[in-house]
Amino acid sequence: MSKLKKIARSKLVLTIGGRLIAYWLRLVHATTRIINDPDTAYKRVEGDFPAIVALWHGQHFMVPLVRRKDHKVRALVSRSGDGHLNSVAAESLGVEVVRGSGGRNRSKTLTKGGIAALKNLISTLAEGLSVVMTVNVPKTGARECGLGVVTLAKLSGRPIIPAAYASSHRIDMDTWDKASINMPFGRASFIIGDPIYVDRNADNDELEAKRQQVEAALNRVTDEAYATLSAKTR
């Protein structure tokens, strides 16, 4: 059993898996009808780019396929084995990747490459490219936003833009992040929220207030995405 687990976690197997995921997502996208116009949503916030696009983990899979073709982004992906799987899938979909993730304390941030990733993301935004990141605190509540995204906004001076994708044909998983596996031949909605700026001089209390604002905004756009689907069926 241990040998099978080792094989399943090998780089080769994870690379193949990542490419298969990208193929699946393209199939889903090709057979799904978007019921609202993503370009209209993008135009409303295009003056705020480059930006930090914030997503809920588990609800993020289809977002690379609904971004504007001229919108170059880099995604933050963890250094774990699953991170390699996700990196291959993202790169197969035309999204550059920054590896690393943060934790609840400094030691975890250091061991997971969070500081190096943060510097890389700040440089990415300075280049004029946007950053895409999931903002849940791993293994906690599915809708709990961490401080990493607001810290990046403070240090870079760029806004956070909450976004959500919802589809009518999906499998909702009983995982920590309540992930939704999108299925073909359905309808989908993509919602972009209002930009959230963080002052460069924000103290800890202000960062916490902004963290809560991002959390509420992401819940709001997620609820709107699913509500839009429900409204279209009436």
Protein backbone atom coordinates (compact mmCIF):
# COMPACT_ATOMS: atom_id res chain seq x y z
CA MET A 1 0.00 0.00 0.00
CA SER A 2 2.83 2.40 0.86
CA LYS A 3 4.44 1.75 -2.55
CA LEU A 4 1.16 2.51 -4.28
CA LYS A 5 0.86 5.76 -2.34
CA LYS A 6 4.41 6.67 -3.29
CA ILE A 7 3.69 6.04 -6.97
CA ALA A 8 0.46 8.04 -6.77
CA ARG A 9 2.39 10.97 -5.29
CA SER A 10 5.23 10.79 -7.80
CA LYS A 11 5.96 13.83 -9.95
CA LEU A 12 5.19 11.92 -13.16
CA VAL A 13 1.76 10.79 -11.97
CA LEU A 14 0.92 14.25 -10.62
CA THR A 15 2.01 15.85 -13.91
CA ILE A 16 -0.23 13.53 -15.90
CA GLY A 17 -3.05 14.19 -13.43
CA GLY A 18 -2.63 17.95 -13.78
CA ARG A 19 -2.87 17.75 -17.56
CA LEU A 20 -5.97 15.56 -17.33
CA ILE A 21 -7.57 18.11 -14.99
CA ALA A 22 -6.86 20.88 -17.51
CA TYR A 23 -8.41 18.77 -20.27
CA TRP A 24 -11.50 18.18 -18.12
CA LEU A 25 -11.89 21.87 -17.30
CA ARG A 26 -11.66 22.78 -20.98
CA LEU A 27 -14.37 20.22 -21.75
CA VAL A 28 -16.60 21.65 -19.03
CA HIS A 29 -16.04 25.18 -20.27
CA ALA A 30 -16.73 24.26 -23.90
CA THR A 31 -20.06 22.65 -22.98
CA THR A 32 -21.22 25.22 -20.42
CA ARG A 33 -23.28 28.32 -21.21
CA ILE A 34 -22.27 31.45 -19.30
CA ILE A 35 -25.52 33.28 -18.51
CA ASN A 36 -23.91 36.64 -17.77
CA ASP A 37 -21.22 38.48 -19.72
CA PRO A 38 -17.80 38.36 -18.02
CA ASP A 39 -16.55 41.18 -20.27
CA THR A 40 -19.16 43.53 -18.81
CA ALA A 41 -17.95 42.72 -15.30
CA TYR A 42 -14.31 43.19 -16.31
CA LYS A 43 -15.00 46.58 -17.88
CA ARG A 44 -16.41 47.84 -14.59
CA VAL A 45 -13.09 47.24 -12.81
CA GLU A 46 -10.55 47.41 -15.64
CA GLY A 47 -9.18 50.71 -14.30
CA ASP A 48 -8.19 48.89 -11.10
CA PHE A 49 -5.88 46.37 -12.76
CA PRO A 50 -3.32 45.01 -12.08
CA ALA A 51 -5.14 43.60 -9.10
CA ILE A 52 -5.22 40.74 -6.64
CA VAL A 53 -8.11 38.50 -7.68
CA ALA A 54 -9.38 36.73 -4.57
CA LEU A 55 -11.22 33.40 -4.77
CA TRP A 56 -12.52 30.77 -2.38
CA HIS A 57 -10.53 27.54 -2.59
CA GLY A 58 -12.72 24.81 -4.01
CA GLN A 59 -14.74 27.29 -6.07
CA HIS A 60 -11.81 28.43 -8.20
CA PHE A 61 -11.30 25.68 -10.77
CA MET A 62 -13.02 27.30 -13.77
CA VAL A 63 -11.82 30.88 -13.28
CA PRO A 64 -8.74 30.58 -15.58
CA LEU A 65 -11.11 29.81 -18.45
CA VAL A 66 -13.35 32.87 -17.99
CA ARG A 67 -10.60 35.46 -17.68
CA ARG A 68 -10.11 37.88 -20.56
CA LYS A 69 -7.72 36.57 -23.19
CA ASP A 70 -5.54 39.66 -22.85
CA HIS A 71 -5.50 39.42 -19.05
CA LYS A 72 -2.17 37.88 -18.03
CA VAL A 73 -2.06 36.61 -14.47
CA ARG A 74 0.09 34.60 -12.09
CA ALA A 75 -1.49 32.26 -9.56
CA LEU A 76 -0.23 31.45 -6.08
CA VAL A 77 -0.02 27.67 -5.63
CA SER A 78 1.27 25.76 -2.60
CA ARG A 79 4.53 23.79 -2.59
CA SER A 80 2.79 20.54 -1.63
CA GLY A 81 2.34 17.52 -3.86
CA ASP A 82 -1.18 18.67 -4.60
CA GLY A 83 0.37 22.02 -5.44
CA HIS A 84 2.37 20.41 -8.24
CA LEU A 85 -0.84 18.89 -9.57
CA ASN A 86 -2.52 22.29 -9.51
CA SER A 87 0.53 24.00 -11.01
CA VAL A 88 0.54 21.69 -14.02
CA ALA A 89 -3.20 22.22 -14.51
CA ALA A 90 -2.88 26.02 -14.23
CA GLU A 91 0.08 26.22 -16.60
CA SER A 92 -1.75 23.99 -19.09
CA LEU A 93 -4.53 26.59 -19.03
CA GLY A 94 -2.10 29.44 -19.73
CA VAL A 95 -1.67 30.71 -16.17
CA GLU A 96 1.82 31.33 -14.81
CA VAL A 97 2.45 30.03 -11.30
CA VAL A 98 4.17 31.27 -8.14
CA ARG A 99 4.85 28.47 -5.65
CA GLY A 100 4.48 29.03 -1.92
CA SER A 101 1.89 29.53 0.78
CA GLY A 102 1.53 31.05 4.19
CA GLY A 103 0.43 29.69 7.52
CA ARG A 104 -1.02 30.96 10.77
CA ASN A 105 2.42 31.73 12.19
CA ARG A 106 5.81 32.91 10.97
CA SER A 107 7.53 29.52 11.17
CA LYS A 108 4.92 27.92 8.90
CA THR A 109 5.19 30.83 6.49
CA LEU A 110 8.96 30.36 6.30
CA THR A 111 8.82 26.60 5.78
CA LYS A 112 6.13 26.88 3.13
CA GLY A 113 7.99 29.55 1.15
CA GLY A 114 5.46 32.22 2.01
CA ILE A 115 7.91 35.13 2.31
CA ALA A 116 9.61 34.38 -1.03
CA ALA A 117 6.21 33.96 -2.66
CA LEU A 118 5.02 37.27 -1.20
CA LYS A 119 8.03 39.09 -2.67
CA ASN A 120 7.41 37.38 -6.02
CA LEU A 121 3.75 38.42 -6.01
CA ILE A 122 4.66 42.03 -5.20
CA SER A 123 7.10 42.00 -8.13
CA THR A 124 4.41 40.48 -10.35
CA LEU A 125 2.00 43.33 -9.56
CA ALA A 126 4.77 45.90 -10.10
CA GLU A 127 5.30 44.40 -13.58
CA GLY A 128 1.65 45.15 -14.39
CA LEU A 129 0.44 41.55 -14.14
CA SER A 130 -2.44 40.57 -11.89
CA VAL A 131 -2.28 37.94 -9.18
CA VAL A 132 -4.89 35.24 -8.55
CA MET A 133 -5.03 33.52 -5.17
CA THR A 134 -7.37 31.46 -3.05
CA VAL A 135 -7.67 33.08 0.36
CA ASN A 136 -9.10 30.40 2.66
CA VAL A 137 -7.02 29.42 5.66
CA PRO A 138 -6.18 25.75 4.87
CA LYS A 139 -7.95 23.04 6.85
CA THR A 140 -10.20 25.49 8.67
CA GLY A 141 -13.56 26.94 7.71
CA ALA A 142 -14.39 26.85 4.03
CA ARG A 143 -15.23 30.54 4.13
CA GLU A 144 -12.50 31.90 6.45
CA CYS A 145 -10.22 34.44 4.78
CA GLY A 146 -6.60 34.66 5.89
CA LEU A 147 -4.48 37.78 6.35
CA GLY A 148 -2.15 37.01 3.44
CA VAL A 149 -4.27 38.68 0.77
CA VAL A 150 -4.68 41.95 2.71
CA THR A 151 -0.98 41.96 3.57
CA LEU A 152 -0.17 41.68 -0.14
CA ALA A 153 -2.60 44.50 -0.92
CA LYS A 154 -0.97 46.71 1.72
CA LEU A 155 2.59 46.09 0.54
CA SER A 156 1.83 46.32 -3.19
CA GLY A 157 -0.68 49.16 -3.13
CA ARG A 158 -2.91 47.18 -5.50
CA PRO A 159 -6.60 46.39 -4.84
CA ILE A 160 -8.25 43.10 -3.99
CA ILE A 161 -11.03 42.11 -6.39
CA PRO A 162 -13.33 39.32 -5.11
CA ALA A 163 -14.68 36.97 -7.77
CA ALA A 164 -16.83 33.85 -7.89
CA TYR A 165 -17.82 31.21 -10.45
CA ALA A 166 -20.86 28.98 -10.00
CA SER A 167 -22.26 26.27 -12.25
CA SER A 168 -25.59 24.45 -12.33
CA HIS A 169 -24.05 21.03 -13.06
CA ARG A 170 -21.66 20.24 -10.24
CA ILE A 171 -20.79 17.82 -7.48
CA ASP A 172 -20.49 19.47 -4.06
CA MET A 173 -17.83 17.67 -2.04
CA ASP A 174 -17.75 17.07 1.71
CA THR A 175 -14.22 18.48 2.06
CA TRP A 176 -12.78 21.18 4.32
CA ASP A 177 -13.21 23.77 1.54
CA LYS A 178 -16.64 22.49 0.40
CA ALA A 179 -15.23 22.16 -3.11
CA SER A 180 -17.54 22.06 -6.12
CA ILE A 181 -16.51 19.83 -9.04
CA ASN A 182 -17.91 21.45 -12.16
CA MET A 183 -19.59 19.15 -14.69
CA PRO A 184 -20.30 19.54 -18.43
CA PHE A 185 -23.53 20.65 -20.16
CA GLY A 186 -24.75 23.14 -17.61
CA ARG A 187 -25.05 26.88 -17.07
CA ALA A 188 -22.62 29.08 -15.20
CA SER A 189 -22.38 32.52 -13.67
CA PHE A 190 -19.22 34.56 -13.08
CA ILE A 191 -19.41 37.53 -10.70
CA ILE A 192 -16.77 40.18 -10.00
CA GLY A 193 -17.10 42.35 -6.91
CA ASP A 194 -15.97 45.88 -6.14
CA PRO A 195 -12.24 46.57 -5.56
CA ILE A 196 -11.01 46.71 -1.97
CA TYR A 197 -7.94 48.87 -1.29
CA VAL A 198 -5.72 48.58 1.78
CA ASP A 199 -3.81 51.60 3.04
CA ARG A 200 -0.03 51.22 2.99
CA ASN A 201 0.07 52.45 6.60
CA ALA A 202 -2.64 50.10 7.86
CA ASP A 203 -1.99 48.75 11.36
CA ASN A 204 -2.99 45.31 12.66
CA ASP A 205 -6.51 46.39 13.58
CA GLU A 206 -7.06 47.90 10.13
CA LEU A 207 -5.71 44.78 8.45
CA GLU A 208 -8.13 42.64 10.44
CA ALA A 209 -11.01 44.93 9.45
CA LYS A 210 -9.98 44.62 5.79
CA ARG A 211 -9.67 40.85 6.14
CA GLN A 212 -13.25 40.72 7.36
CA GLN A 213 -14.32 43.00 4.50
CA VAL A 214 -12.73 40.67 1.93
CA GLU A 215 -14.37 37.66 3.58
CA ALA A 216 -17.79 39.31 3.48
CA ALA A 217 -17.30 40.47 -0.12
CA LEU A 218 -16.30 36.98 -1.28
CA ASN A 219 -19.33 35.47 0.41
CA ARG A 220 -21.49 38.12 -1.23
CA VAL A 221 -20.25 37.49 -4.80
CA THR A 222 -20.42 33.71 -4.25
CA ASP A 223 -24.02 33.95 -3.07
CA GLU A 224 -24.82 36.23 -6.03
CA ALA A 225 -23.28 33.78 -8.50
CA TYR A 226 -25.44 30.91 -7.24
CA ALA A 227 -28.52 33.15 -6.89
CA THR A 228 -28.14 34.24 -10.52
CA LEU A 229 -28.26 30.60 -11.58
CA SER A 230 -31.39 29.99 -9.50
CA ALA A 231 -33.11 33.09 -10.89
CA LYS A 232 -32.58 31.94 -14.47
CA THR A 233 -34.42 28.67 -13.82
CA ARG A 234 -37.64 30.39 -12.71
